[in-house]
N, C-alpha and C. Protein backbone atom coordinates (compact mmCIF):
# COMPACT_ATOMS: atom_id res chain seq x y z
N MET A 1 16.79 3.46 -5.35
CA MET A 1 15.51 3.03 -5.01
C MET A 1 14.36 3.55 -5.54
N PHE A 2 13.17 3.03 -5.09
CA PHE A 2 11.91 3.81 -5.60
C PHE A 2 10.84 3.27 -4.53
N ILE A 3 9.93 3.90 -4.07
CA ILE A 3 9.04 3.99 -2.87
C ILE A 3 7.73 4.50 -3.86
N ALA A 4 6.95 3.42 -3.33
CA ALA A 4 5.15 3.33 -4.00
C ALA A 4 4.61 3.56 -2.70
N MET A 5 3.55 4.68 -2.84
CA MET A 5 2.56 4.77 -1.92
C MET A 5 1.19 4.94 -2.20
N ASN A 6 0.45 4.07 -1.36
CA ASN A 6 -0.97 4.40 -1.75
C ASN A 6 -1.62 5.11 -0.50
N ARG A 7 -2.30 6.02 -0.37
CA ARG A 7 -2.91 6.51 0.66
C ARG A 7 -4.37 6.37 0.27
N PHE A 8 -4.96 5.85 1.77
CA PHE A 8 -6.41 5.58 1.83
C PHE A 8 -7.00 6.55 3.13
N THR A 9 -8.21 6.84 2.74
CA THR A 9 -8.65 7.80 3.85
C THR A 9 -9.95 6.52 4.24
N VAL A 10 -10.14 6.54 5.43
CA VAL A 10 -10.94 5.36 6.04
C VAL A 10 -11.80 6.14 7.05
N THR A 11 -13.15 5.84 7.16
CA THR A 11 -13.74 6.42 8.18
C THR A 11 -13.75 5.62 9.45
N THR A 12 -14.05 5.97 10.56
CA THR A 12 -13.66 5.38 11.82
C THR A 12 -14.26 4.26 11.88
N GLU A 13 -15.41 4.38 11.48
CA GLU A 13 -16.17 2.81 11.62
C GLU A 13 -15.82 1.46 10.65
N ASN A 14 -14.63 1.99 9.61
CA ASN A 14 -14.32 0.84 8.77
C ASN A 14 -12.98 0.67 9.20
N ALA A 15 -12.05 1.37 10.34
CA ALA A 15 -11.01 1.18 10.43
C ALA A 15 -10.26 -0.03 10.73
N ASP A 16 -11.50 -0.76 11.65
CA ASP A 16 -10.96 -1.97 12.11
C ASP A 16 -10.73 -3.28 10.97
N ALA A 17 -12.04 -3.22 10.27
CA ALA A 17 -11.93 -3.97 8.89
C ALA A 17 -10.92 -3.78 7.97
N PHE A 18 -10.99 -2.57 7.79
CA PHE A 18 -9.55 -2.35 6.98
C PHE A 18 -8.62 -2.74 7.22
N GLU A 19 -8.02 -2.44 8.62
CA GLU A 19 -6.82 -2.82 9.33
C GLU A 19 -6.62 -4.32 9.15
N ALA A 20 -7.79 -5.38 9.31
CA ALA A 20 -7.80 -6.86 9.25
C ALA A 20 -7.60 -7.30 7.70
N LEU A 21 -8.08 -6.52 7.19
CA LEU A 21 -8.02 -7.03 5.64
C LEU A 21 -6.47 -7.02 5.31
N TRP A 22 -5.70 -5.68 5.44
CA TRP A 22 -4.73 -5.72 5.05
C TRP A 22 -3.44 -6.49 6.04
N LEU A 23 -4.03 -6.73 7.41
CA LEU A 23 -3.00 -7.77 8.06
C LEU A 23 -3.13 -9.16 7.85
N ASP A 24 -4.16 -9.52 7.17
CA ASP A 24 -4.51 -10.87 7.00
C ASP A 24 -4.34 -11.36 5.67
N ARG A 25 -4.11 -10.15 4.74
CA ARG A 25 -3.92 -10.69 3.36
C ARG A 25 -2.67 -11.25 2.88
N ASP A 26 -2.17 -12.32 1.98
CA ASP A 26 -1.21 -12.57 1.57
C ASP A 26 -0.45 -11.50 0.07
N SER A 27 0.32 -10.52 0.43
CA SER A 27 0.62 -9.59 -0.63
C SER A 27 1.67 -10.26 -1.75
N HIS A 28 1.94 -11.31 -1.55
CA HIS A 28 2.70 -12.16 -2.84
C HIS A 28 3.92 -11.12 -3.23
N LEU A 29 4.15 -10.16 -2.14
CA LEU A 29 5.53 -9.16 -2.40
C LEU A 29 6.95 -10.09 -2.37
N LYS A 30 7.25 -10.82 -1.61
CA LYS A 30 8.48 -11.66 -1.26
C LYS A 30 8.90 -12.44 -2.08
N MET A 31 7.82 -12.56 -3.35
CA MET A 31 8.16 -13.66 -4.17
C MET A 31 8.63 -12.87 -5.54
N MET A 32 8.79 -11.53 -5.63
CA MET A 32 9.33 -10.52 -6.57
C MET A 32 10.69 -9.95 -6.50
N ASP A 33 11.45 -9.96 -7.70
CA ASP A 33 12.87 -9.65 -7.39
C ASP A 33 12.97 -7.94 -7.23
N GLU A 34 14.10 -7.68 -6.59
CA GLU A 34 14.23 -6.56 -6.17
C GLU A 34 13.18 -5.71 -5.32
N PHE A 35 12.21 -6.62 -4.50
CA PHE A 35 11.26 -5.86 -3.54
C PHE A 35 12.25 -5.73 -2.39
N VAL A 36 12.10 -4.78 -1.52
CA VAL A 36 12.86 -4.41 -0.50
C VAL A 36 12.12 -4.57 0.59
N ALA A 37 11.03 -3.71 0.70
CA ALA A 37 10.19 -3.59 2.15
C ALA A 37 8.79 -3.35 1.92
N PHE A 38 8.27 -3.72 2.99
CA PHE A 38 6.79 -3.21 3.10
C PHE A 38 6.13 -2.66 4.37
N HIS A 39 5.20 -1.40 4.30
CA HIS A 39 4.90 -1.12 5.64
C HIS A 39 3.54 -0.25 5.17
N MET A 40 2.66 -1.08 6.31
CA MET A 40 1.23 -0.33 6.32
C MET A 40 1.19 0.46 7.35
N LEU A 41 0.96 2.03 7.03
CA LEU A 41 1.26 3.08 8.11
C LEU A 41 -0.10 3.47 8.38
N LYS A 42 -0.47 3.68 9.90
CA LYS A 42 -1.56 4.27 10.27
C LYS A 42 -1.42 5.81 10.48
N GLY A 43 -2.13 6.47 10.17
CA GLY A 43 -2.04 7.84 10.25
C GLY A 43 -2.91 8.36 11.23
N PRO A 44 -2.93 9.80 11.63
CA PRO A 44 -3.93 10.30 12.50
C PRO A 44 -5.28 10.72 12.22
N GLU A 45 -6.20 10.37 12.96
CA GLU A 45 -7.66 10.64 12.71
C GLU A 45 -7.91 12.05 12.59
N ALA A 46 -8.64 12.40 11.47
CA ALA A 46 -9.00 13.59 11.44
C ALA A 46 -10.28 14.14 12.21
N ASN A 47 -10.50 15.48 11.84
CA ASN A 47 -11.74 15.94 12.75
C ASN A 47 -13.15 15.60 12.23
N ASP A 48 -13.23 15.19 10.72
CA ASP A 48 -14.10 14.77 10.17
C ASP A 48 -14.67 13.31 10.23
N GLY A 49 -13.53 12.40 11.15
CA GLY A 49 -14.19 11.14 11.51
C GLY A 49 -13.46 10.20 10.96
N THR A 50 -12.32 10.67 10.02
CA THR A 50 -11.74 9.64 9.20
C THR A 50 -10.27 9.22 9.44
N ARG A 51 -9.93 8.48 8.89
CA ARG A 51 -8.10 8.02 9.49
C ARG A 51 -7.44 8.24 8.05
N LEU A 52 -6.13 8.45 8.04
CA LEU A 52 -5.47 8.35 7.09
C LEU A 52 -4.38 6.90 7.01
N TYR A 53 -4.51 6.08 6.15
CA TYR A 53 -3.50 5.05 6.18
C TYR A 53 -2.76 5.23 4.69
N ALA A 54 -1.96 4.45 4.67
CA ALA A 54 -0.72 4.40 3.50
C ALA A 54 0.01 3.36 3.37
N SER A 55 -0.21 2.53 2.29
CA SER A 55 0.94 1.48 1.99
C SER A 55 1.84 1.81 1.43
N HIS A 56 3.00 1.31 1.72
CA HIS A 56 4.30 1.85 1.89
C HIS A 56 5.31 0.87 1.04
N THR A 57 5.77 0.56 -0.34
CA THR A 57 6.80 -0.49 -0.55
C THR A 57 7.88 0.22 -1.13
N VAL A 58 9.14 -0.47 -0.72
CA VAL A 58 10.45 -0.08 -1.36
C VAL A 58 10.75 -1.12 -2.42
N TRP A 59 11.58 -0.57 -3.32
CA TRP A 59 11.91 -1.42 -4.56
C TRP A 59 13.09 -0.84 -4.60
N ALA A 60 14.21 -1.83 -5.27
CA ALA A 60 15.48 -1.60 -5.61
C ALA A 60 15.51 -0.35 -6.74
N SER A 61 14.32 -0.46 -7.67
CA SER A 61 14.48 0.39 -8.95
C SER A 61 12.97 0.76 -9.12
N GLU A 62 12.67 1.84 -9.72
CA GLU A 62 11.22 1.99 -10.28
C GLU A 62 10.98 0.88 -11.19
N THR A 63 11.95 0.16 -12.18
CA THR A 63 11.76 -0.49 -13.47
C THR A 63 11.17 -2.07 -12.41
N ALA A 64 11.57 -2.34 -11.30
CA ALA A 64 11.19 -3.51 -10.38
C ALA A 64 9.74 -3.25 -9.83
N PHE A 65 9.63 -1.91 -9.63
CA PHE A 65 8.14 -1.81 -9.16
C PHE A 65 7.08 -1.93 -10.60
N ARG A 66 7.36 -1.30 -11.36
CA ARG A 66 6.44 -1.56 -12.73
C ARG A 66 6.49 -2.97 -12.91
N ALA A 67 7.39 -3.68 -12.72
CA ALA A 67 7.29 -5.24 -13.27
C ALA A 67 6.40 -5.69 -12.07
N TRP A 68 6.33 -5.56 -11.13
CA TRP A 68 5.26 -5.94 -9.99
C TRP A 68 4.01 -5.57 -10.32
N THR A 69 3.78 -4.52 -11.10
CA THR A 69 2.21 -4.23 -11.35
C THR A 69 1.79 -4.56 -12.59
N ARG A 70 2.58 -5.63 -13.31
CA ARG A 70 2.45 -6.09 -14.46
C ARG A 70 2.09 -7.73 -14.02
N SER A 71 2.70 -8.26 -13.15
CA SER A 71 2.69 -9.77 -12.57
C SER A 71 1.61 -10.19 -12.19
N ASP A 72 1.68 -11.29 -12.38
CA ASP A 72 0.66 -12.50 -12.02
C ASP A 72 0.56 -12.60 -10.49
N ALA A 73 1.60 -11.97 -9.65
CA ALA A 73 1.64 -11.85 -8.09
C ALA A 73 0.88 -10.75 -7.75
N PHE A 74 0.88 -9.52 -8.54
CA PHE A 74 0.43 -8.51 -8.32
C PHE A 74 -1.47 -8.77 -8.47
N ARG A 75 -1.70 -9.20 -9.57
CA ARG A 75 -3.17 -9.76 -9.66
C ARG A 75 -3.65 -10.47 -8.87
N ALA A 76 -3.06 -11.55 -8.39
CA ALA A 76 -3.27 -12.51 -7.41
C ALA A 76 -3.67 -11.49 -5.91
N ALA A 77 -2.54 -10.68 -5.64
CA ALA A 77 -2.70 -10.02 -4.39
C ALA A 77 -3.83 -8.64 -4.44
N HIS A 78 -4.26 -8.47 -5.71
CA HIS A 78 -5.29 -7.14 -5.49
C HIS A 78 -6.56 -7.83 -6.26
N LYS A 79 -6.44 -9.23 -6.31
CA LYS A 79 -8.24 -9.60 -6.60
C LYS A 79 -9.05 -9.42 -5.28
N GLY A 80 -10.21 -9.05 -6.06
CA GLY A 80 -11.10 -8.82 -4.99
C GLY A 80 -11.34 -7.37 -4.45
N ALA A 81 -10.26 -6.79 -5.01
CA ALA A 81 -10.23 -5.13 -4.54
C ALA A 81 -11.15 -4.33 -4.66
N GLY A 82 -12.17 -4.80 -5.62
CA GLY A 82 -13.41 -3.86 -5.98
C GLY A 82 -14.62 -4.08 -4.77
N GLN A 83 -14.18 -5.36 -4.35
CA GLN A 83 -15.28 -5.58 -3.25
C GLN A 83 -14.96 -5.37 -1.69
N THR A 84 -13.77 -4.63 -1.66
CA THR A 84 -13.10 -4.23 -0.27
C THR A 84 -13.16 -2.57 -0.50
N ALA A 85 -13.54 -1.97 -1.73
CA ALA A 85 -13.55 -0.40 -1.81
C ALA A 85 -14.12 0.47 -1.12
N LYS A 86 -15.45 -0.51 -0.47
CA LYS A 86 -16.44 0.44 0.26
C LYS A 86 -15.72 0.61 1.70
N LEU A 87 -14.58 0.04 2.02
CA LEU A 87 -13.71 0.25 3.29
C LEU A 87 -13.04 1.56 3.43
N HIS A 88 -12.91 2.31 2.36
CA HIS A 88 -12.28 3.49 2.18
C HIS A 88 -13.36 4.36 1.38
N VAL A 89 -12.76 5.60 1.75
CA VAL A 89 -13.64 6.81 0.92
C VAL A 89 -12.75 7.06 -0.20
N GLY A 90 -13.61 7.05 -1.34
CA GLY A 90 -13.09 7.24 -2.69
C GLY A 90 -11.88 6.39 -3.21
N SER A 91 -11.29 6.58 -4.28
CA SER A 91 -10.22 5.87 -4.67
C SER A 91 -8.73 6.25 -3.88
N PRO A 92 -7.77 5.20 -3.75
CA PRO A 92 -6.51 5.43 -3.08
C PRO A 92 -5.79 6.28 -3.95
N THR A 93 -4.97 7.31 -3.38
CA THR A 93 -3.79 8.31 -3.91
C THR A 93 -2.68 7.59 -4.19
N PHE A 94 -2.24 7.39 -5.74
CA PHE A 94 -1.07 6.76 -5.51
C PHE A 94 0.33 7.87 -5.48
N GLU A 95 1.57 7.41 -5.11
CA GLU A 95 2.28 8.49 -4.97
C GLU A 95 3.76 7.92 -5.24
N GLY A 96 4.44 7.86 -6.31
CA GLY A 96 5.88 7.45 -6.51
C GLY A 96 6.72 8.21 -6.55
N PHE A 97 7.96 7.69 -5.59
CA PHE A 97 9.16 8.42 -5.53
C PHE A 97 10.37 7.78 -5.68
N SER A 98 11.46 8.51 -6.31
CA SER A 98 12.50 7.98 -6.61
C SER A 98 13.42 8.49 -5.52
N VAL A 99 14.20 7.54 -4.77
CA VAL A 99 14.95 7.85 -3.39
C VAL A 99 16.47 8.92 -4.36
N ILE A 100 16.55 9.82 -3.67
CA ILE A 100 17.87 10.56 -4.26
C ILE A 100 18.75 10.61 -2.98
N GLN A 101 18.30 10.27 -1.60
CA GLN A 101 19.24 9.90 -0.38
C GLN A 101 18.84 9.27 0.73
N GLU A 102 19.61 8.20 1.25
CA GLU A 102 19.12 7.36 1.92
C GLU A 102 20.26 7.19 2.96
N ILE A 103 19.72 7.55 4.40
CA ILE A 103 21.13 7.48 5.49
C ILE A 103 20.37 6.30 6.45
N ASN A 104 21.09 5.44 6.82
CA ASN A 104 20.72 4.28 7.79
C ASN A 104 21.42 4.33 8.83
N ALA A 105 21.22 3.76 10.06
CA ALA A 105 21.87 3.89 11.13
C ALA A 105 23.10 2.87 11.35
């Protein structure tokens, strides 16, 4: 499996709009082969008035994730992203992880 994450730093004043953007969008993920799961994570608020968020997708393989990034579905899910960049501070930080152990309930 492969986990892809993007971390976003969001000012407190933009938090509601940022959350609404993610909760109301059509991700197009379910149409992709080998897509496993998506989570939008809300982290702690920092002393500087910002909050950390992370988008977290799980894929059957890194190859499946890379195929997503080259797909029409990816382009559709991210159209207009430049217009919403003002909701977060700087660029999102991407982190990709190969799963080396998984323990389930």
